[in-house]
């Protein structure tokens, strides 16, 4: 089934099931479903919008490959391919797959990654000690802290962003 047909079939379902709201700059990340512009989560995997650029499709595919992996502090730091990932290993893996990062990075270093502000397709939220990302409107995160993480997961659930810096890859 093509992605266009899949998006059309799932659109009404997603509108009912997704936790939607308005984006609030500065205090919280909030999922806001926009037909044809945002990805959706189905059975833990992200389904991209039909018009997503190739780099975004690669990012979502990479996130889907690791979204069932467990959490391990330092996971994904020595090599992009690993058996478990922490927050920065997750973001590094996805950005690398999208052709936007050459080597794994630590969470604090993402505060100066790419360009400042929210991206059109990909936004990295970084602070000292934690980083997560938004890809086509969905959040890819390992949790709020090391203690509550199960590993990389896609989510449409809101989360606080106070203290985070927003960065994005050039052009995305």
C-alpha atoms as a PDB file:
ATOM      1  CA  UNK A   1       0.000   0.000   0.000  1.00  0.00           C
ATOM      2  CA  UNK A   2       1.450   3.382  -0.891  1.00  0.00           C
ATOM      3  CA  UNK A   3       2.197   5.956   1.772  1.00  0.00           C
ATOM      4  CA  UNK A   4      -0.399   8.378   0.279  1.00  0.00           C
ATOM      5  CA  UNK A   5      -3.166   5.804   0.544  1.00  0.00           C
ATOM      6  CA  UNK A   6      -2.039   4.793   4.027  1.00  0.00           C
ATOM      7  CA  UNK A   7      -2.103   8.426   5.180  1.00  0.00           C
ATOM      8  CA  UNK A   8      -5.611   8.926   3.743  1.00  0.00           C
ATOM      9  CA  UNK A   9      -6.914   5.800   5.449  1.00  0.00           C
ATOM     10  CA  UNK A  10      -5.316   6.604   8.788  1.00  0.00           C
ATOM     11  CA  UNK A  11      -6.089  10.322   8.847  1.00  0.00           C
ATOM     12  CA  UNK A  12      -9.564  10.056  10.469  1.00  0.00           C
ATOM     13  CA  UNK A  13      -8.305   7.480  12.973  1.00  0.00           C
ATOM     14  CA  UNK A  14      -5.346   9.608  13.943  1.00  0.00           C
ATOM     15  CA  UNK A  15      -7.500  12.704  14.391  1.00  0.00           C
ATOM     16  CA  UNK A  16      -9.513  10.771  16.979  1.00  0.00           C
ATOM     17  CA  UNK A  17      -6.655   9.009  18.752  1.00  0.00           C
ATOM     18  CA  UNK A  18      -3.793  11.512  18.722  1.00  0.00           C
ATOM     19  CA  UNK A  19      -3.290  13.835  21.628  1.00  0.00           C
ATOM     20  CA  UNK A  20      -3.580  17.103  19.770  1.00  0.00           C
ATOM     21  CA  UNK A  21      -3.114  20.626  20.972  1.00  0.00           C
ATOM     22  CA  UNK A  22      -1.491  23.884  20.074  1.00  0.00           C
ATOM     23  CA  UNK A  23       2.250  24.333  20.056  1.00  0.00           C
ATOM     24  CA  UNK A  24       3.456  26.448  22.938  1.00  0.00           C
ATOM     25  CA  UNK A  25       6.859  28.032  22.453  1.00  0.00           C
ATOM     26  CA  UNK A  26       9.161  27.833  25.421  1.00  0.00           C
ATOM     27  CA  UNK A  27       7.365  25.861  28.146  1.00  0.00           C
ATOM     28  CA  UNK A  28       6.167  22.590  26.602  1.00  0.00           C
ATOM     29  CA  UNK A  29       6.444  20.470  23.505  1.00  0.00           C
ATOM     30  CA  UNK A  30       2.912  19.673  22.339  1.00  0.00           C
ATOM     31  CA  UNK A  31       1.932  17.460  19.417  1.00  0.00           C
ATOM     32  CA  UNK A  32      -0.301  19.223  16.924  1.00  0.00           C
ATOM     33  CA  UNK A  33      -1.641  16.983  14.197  1.00  0.00           C
ATOM     34  CA  UNK A  34      -1.657  18.614  10.762  1.00  0.00           C
ATOM     35  CA  UNK A  35      -3.005  16.422   7.930  1.00  0.00           C
ATOM     36  CA  UNK A  36      -0.307  15.711   5.354  1.00  0.00           C
ATOM     37  CA  UNK A  37       2.349  17.554   7.366  1.00  0.00           C
ATOM     38  CA  UNK A  38       2.913  15.505  10.512  1.00  0.00           C
ATOM     39  CA  UNK A  39       3.777  11.899  11.161  1.00  0.00           C
ATOM     40  CA  UNK A  40       1.600   9.631  13.290  1.00  0.00           C
ATOM     41  CA  UNK A  41       2.426   6.755  15.629  1.00  0.00           C
ATOM     42  CA  UNK A  42       0.920   3.354  14.898  1.00  0.00           C
ATOM     43  CA  UNK A  43       1.884   0.421  17.110  1.00  0.00           C
ATOM     44  CA  UNK A  44       4.976   2.278  18.311  1.00  0.00           C
ATOM     45  CA  UNK A  45       6.275   3.138  14.840  1.00  0.00           C
ATOM     46  CA  UNK A  46       6.191   6.502  13.100  1.00  0.00           C
ATOM     47  CA  UNK A  47       4.363   6.768   9.783  1.00  0.00           C
ATOM     48  CA  UNK A  48       5.641   9.785   7.836  1.00  0.00           C
ATOM     49  CA  UNK A  49       3.489  12.270   5.969  1.00  0.00           C
ATOM     50  CA  UNK A  50       3.366  11.756   2.219  1.00  0.00           C
ATOM     51  CA  UNK A  51       5.204  14.975   1.371  1.00  0.00           C
ATOM     52  CA  UNK A  52       8.193  14.502   3.692  1.00  0.00           C
ATOM     53  CA  UNK A  53      11.622  15.088   2.099  1.00  0.00           C
ATOM     54  CA  UNK A  54      14.030  12.156   1.661  1.00  0.00           C
ATOM     55  CA  UNK A  55      16.188  13.190   4.665  1.00  0.00           C
ATOM     56  CA  UNK A  56      13.088  13.149   6.884  1.00  0.00           C
ATOM     57  CA  UNK A  57      12.011   9.743   5.546  1.00  0.00           C
ATOM     58  CA  UNK A  58      15.487   8.404   6.373  1.00  0.00           C
ATOM     59  CA  UNK A  59      15.283   9.965   9.864  1.00  0.00           C
ATOM     60  CA  UNK A  60      11.896   8.365  10.544  1.00  0.00           C
ATOM     61  CA  UNK A  61      13.070   5.020   9.202  1.00  0.00           C
ATOM     62  CA  UNK A  62      16.126   5.184  11.490  1.00  0.00           C
ATOM     63  CA  UNK A  63      13.959   6.073  14.490  1.00  0.00           C
ATOM     64  CA  UNK A  64      11.718   3.116  13.691  1.00  0.00           C
ATOM     65  CA  UNK A  65      14.747   0.786  13.595  1.00  0.00           C
ATOM     66  CA  UNK A  66      15.780   1.679  17.141  1.00  0.00           C
ATOM     67  CA  UNK A  67      12.418   2.526  18.772  1.00  0.00           C
ATOM     68  CA  UNK A  68      12.238  -0.858  20.492  1.00  0.00           C
ATOM     69  CA  UNK A  69      15.832  -0.903  21.713  1.00  0.00           C
ATOM     70  CA  UNK A  70      16.465  -0.638  25.451  1.00  0.00           C
ATOM     71  CA  UNK A  71      18.034   2.314  27.233  1.00  0.00           C
ATOM     72  CA  UNK A  72      21.721   2.178  28.184  1.00  0.00           C
ATOM     73  CA  UNK A  73      23.715   5.150  29.403  1.00  0.00           C
ATOM     74  CA  UNK A  74      26.353   5.769  26.732  1.00  0.00           C
ATOM     75  CA  UNK A  75      24.475   3.638  24.186  1.00  0.00           C
ATOM     76  CA  UNK A  76      25.181   4.784  20.643  1.00  0.00           C
ATOM     77  CA  UNK A  77      28.212   6.873  21.602  1.00  0.00           C
ATOM     78  CA  UNK A  78      31.090   4.664  20.464  1.00  0.00           C
ATOM     79  CA  UNK A  79      29.330   3.610  17.242  1.00  0.00           C
ATOM     80  CA  UNK A  80      26.055   4.601  15.596  1.00  0.00           C
ATOM     81  CA  UNK A  81      24.968   0.942  15.516  1.00  0.00           C
ATOM     82  CA  UNK A  82      24.453  -0.369  19.049  1.00  0.00           C
ATOM     83  CA  UNK A  83      22.260  -2.763  21.015  1.00  0.00           C
ATOM     84  CA  UNK A  84      20.874   0.009  23.271  1.00  0.00           C
ATOM     85  CA  UNK A  85      20.713   3.815  23.157  1.00  0.00           C
ATOM     86  CA  UNK A  86      20.664   6.770  25.493  1.00  0.00           C
ATOM     87  CA  UNK A  87      19.164  10.150  24.579  1.00  0.00           C
ATOM     88  CA  UNK A  88      22.132  11.553  22.670  1.00  0.00           C
ATOM     89  CA  UNK A  89      22.878   8.203  21.040  1.00  0.00           C
ATOM     90  CA  UNK A  90      19.282   8.180  19.765  1.00  0.00           C
ATOM     91  CA  UNK A  91      19.423  11.703  18.341  1.00  0.00           C
ATOM     92  CA  UNK A  92      22.882  11.043  16.870  1.00  0.00           C
ATOM     93  CA  UNK A  93      21.707   7.839  15.176  1.00  0.00           C
ATOM     94  CA  UNK A  94      18.669   9.492  13.575  1.00  0.00           C
ATOM     95  CA  UNK A  95      20.539  12.611  12.423  1.00  0.00           C
ATOM     96  CA  UNK A  96      23.322  10.450  10.985  1.00  0.00           C
ATOM     97  CA  UNK A  97      20.819   8.339   9.028  1.00  0.00           C
ATOM     98  CA  UNK A  98      19.326  11.569   7.653  1.00  0.00           C
ATOM     99  CA  UNK A  99      22.787  12.663   6.464  1.00  0.00           C
ATOM    100  CA  UNK A 100      22.937  15.450   9.055  1.00  0.00           C
ATOM    101  CA  UNK A 101      25.642  14.258  11.487  1.00  0.00           C
ATOM    102  CA  UNK A 102      29.052  12.643  10.908  1.00  0.00           C
ATOM    103  CA  UNK A 103      29.809  11.261  14.384  1.00  0.00           C
ATOM    104  CA  UNK A 104      27.887  10.573  17.611  1.00  0.00           C
ATOM    105  CA  UNK A 105      27.562  13.494  20.002  1.00  0.00           C
ATOM    106  CA  UNK A 106      26.690  14.064  23.671  1.00  0.00           C
ATOM    107  CA  UNK A 107      23.519  15.827  24.792  1.00  0.00           C
ATOM    108  CA  UNK A 108      25.084  19.152  25.790  1.00  0.00           C
ATOM    109  CA  UNK A 109      26.870  19.498  22.454  1.00  0.00           C
ATOM    110  CA  UNK A 110      23.512  19.544  20.666  1.00  0.00           C
ATOM    111  CA  UNK A 111      22.888  22.988  22.208  1.00  0.00           C
ATOM    112  CA  UNK A 112      25.076  24.371  19.420  1.00  0.00           C
ATOM    113  CA  UNK A 113      24.123  21.883  16.676  1.00  0.00           C
ATOM    114  CA  UNK A 114      22.956  23.169  13.288  1.00  0.00           C
ATOM    115  CA  UNK A 115      20.935  26.369  13.257  1.00  0.00           C
ATOM    116  CA  UNK A 116      19.084  28.112  16.055  1.00  0.00           C
ATOM    117  CA  UNK A 117      15.344  27.736  16.497  1.00  0.00           C
ATOM    118  CA  UNK A 118      12.614  25.383  15.383  1.00  0.00           C
ATOM    119  CA  UNK A 119      13.086  23.563  12.099  1.00  0.00           C
ATOM    120  CA  UNK A 120      10.454  22.924   9.461  1.00  0.00           C
ATOM    121  CA  UNK A 121      10.851  19.115   9.667  1.00  0.00           C
ATOM    122  CA  UNK A 122      13.388  18.328  12.398  1.00  0.00           C
ATOM    123  CA  UNK A 123      14.004  20.127  15.699  1.00  0.00           C
ATOM    124  CA  UNK A 124      16.498  19.066  18.364  1.00  0.00           C
ATOM    125  CA  UNK A 125      15.718  20.082  21.961  1.00  0.00           C
ATOM    126  CA  UNK A 126      18.930  20.096  23.981  1.00  0.00           C
ATOM    127  CA  UNK A 127      20.070  20.980  27.464  1.00  0.00           C
ATOM    128  CA  UNK A 128      22.898  19.812  29.634  1.00  0.00           C
ATOM    129  CA  UNK A 129      22.109  16.208  30.502  1.00  0.00           C
ATOM    130  CA  UNK A 130      19.294  15.466  28.031  1.00  0.00           C
ATOM    131  CA  UNK A 131      18.323  15.819  24.382  1.00  0.00           C
ATOM    132  CA  UNK A 132      15.283  14.740  22.392  1.00  0.00           C
ATOM    133  CA  UNK A 133      14.011  15.525  18.929  1.00  0.00           C
ATOM    134  CA  UNK A 134      10.925  16.226  16.902  1.00  0.00           C
ATOM    135  CA  UNK A 135      10.731  14.688  13.424  1.00  0.00           C
ATOM    136  CA  UNK A 136       7.760  15.579  11.198  1.00  0.00           C
ATOM    137  CA  UNK A 137       5.829  16.664  14.268  1.00  0.00           C
ATOM    138  CA  UNK A 138       6.477  13.565  16.425  1.00  0.00           C
ATOM    139  CA  UNK A 139       8.735  13.442  19.452  1.00  0.00           C
ATOM    140  CA  UNK A 140      11.512  10.845  19.611  1.00  0.00           C
ATOM    141  CA  UNK A 141      12.735  10.647  23.181  1.00  0.00           C
ATOM    142  CA  UNK A 142      14.193   8.292  25.751  1.00  0.00           C
ATOM    143  CA  UNK A 143      12.135   9.745  28.624  1.00  0.00           C
ATOM    144  CA  UNK A 144      12.357  12.645  31.014  1.00  0.00           C
ATOM    145  CA  UNK A 145      15.424  11.338  32.844  1.00  0.00           C
ATOM    146  CA  UNK A 146      17.756   8.366  32.925  1.00  0.00           C
ATOM    147  CA  UNK A 147      15.686   6.840  35.731  1.00  0.00           C
ATOM    148  CA  UNK A 148      12.395   6.643  33.791  1.00  0.00           C
ATOM    149  CA  UNK A 149      13.654   5.614  30.372  1.00  0.00           C
ATOM    150  CA  UNK A 150      12.813   2.445  28.494  1.00  0.00           C
ATOM    151  CA  UNK A 151      14.875   3.517  25.481  1.00  0.00           C
ATOM    152  CA  UNK A 152      14.052   5.405  22.296  1.00  0.00           C
ATOM    153  CA  UNK A 153      10.309   5.781  21.698  1.00  0.00           C
ATOM    154  CA  UNK A 154       8.084   7.842  19.390  1.00  0.00           C
ATOM    155  CA  UNK A 155       5.463   9.871  21.204  1.00  0.00           C
ATOM    156  CA  UNK A 156       2.684  12.383  20.684  1.00  0.00           C
ATOM    157  CA  UNK A 157       2.502  13.076  24.435  1.00  0.00           C
ATOM    158  CA  UNK A 158       3.448  16.537  25.672  1.00  0.00           C
ATOM    159  CA  UNK A 159       6.586  17.176  27.677  1.00  0.00           C
ATOM    160  CA  UNK A 160       8.121  20.217  29.388  1.00  0.00           C
ATOM    161  CA  UNK A 161      10.833  22.090  27.467  1.00  0.00           C
ATOM    162  CA  UNK A 162      11.880  24.709  30.003  1.00  0.00           C
ATOM    163  CA  UNK A 163      15.673  25.067  29.853  1.00  0.00           C
ATOM    164  CA  UNK A 164      15.997  23.443  26.421  1.00  0.00           C
ATOM    165  CA  UNK A 165      17.583  25.065  23.382  1.00  0.00           C
ATOM    166  CA  UNK A 166      15.896  24.436  20.026  1.00  0.00           C
ATOM    167  CA  UNK A 167      18.212  23.698  17.083  1.00  0.00           C
ATOM    168  CA  UNK A 168      17.644  22.263  13.630  1.00  0.00           C
ATOM    169  CA  UNK A 169      19.608  20.950  10.639  1.00  0.00           C
ATOM    170  CA  UNK A 170      20.089  23.552   7.906  1.00  0.00           C
ATOM    171  CA  UNK A 171      17.215  23.346   5.431  1.00  0.00           C
ATOM    172  CA  UNK A 172      15.098  21.049   7.552  1.00  0.00           C
END
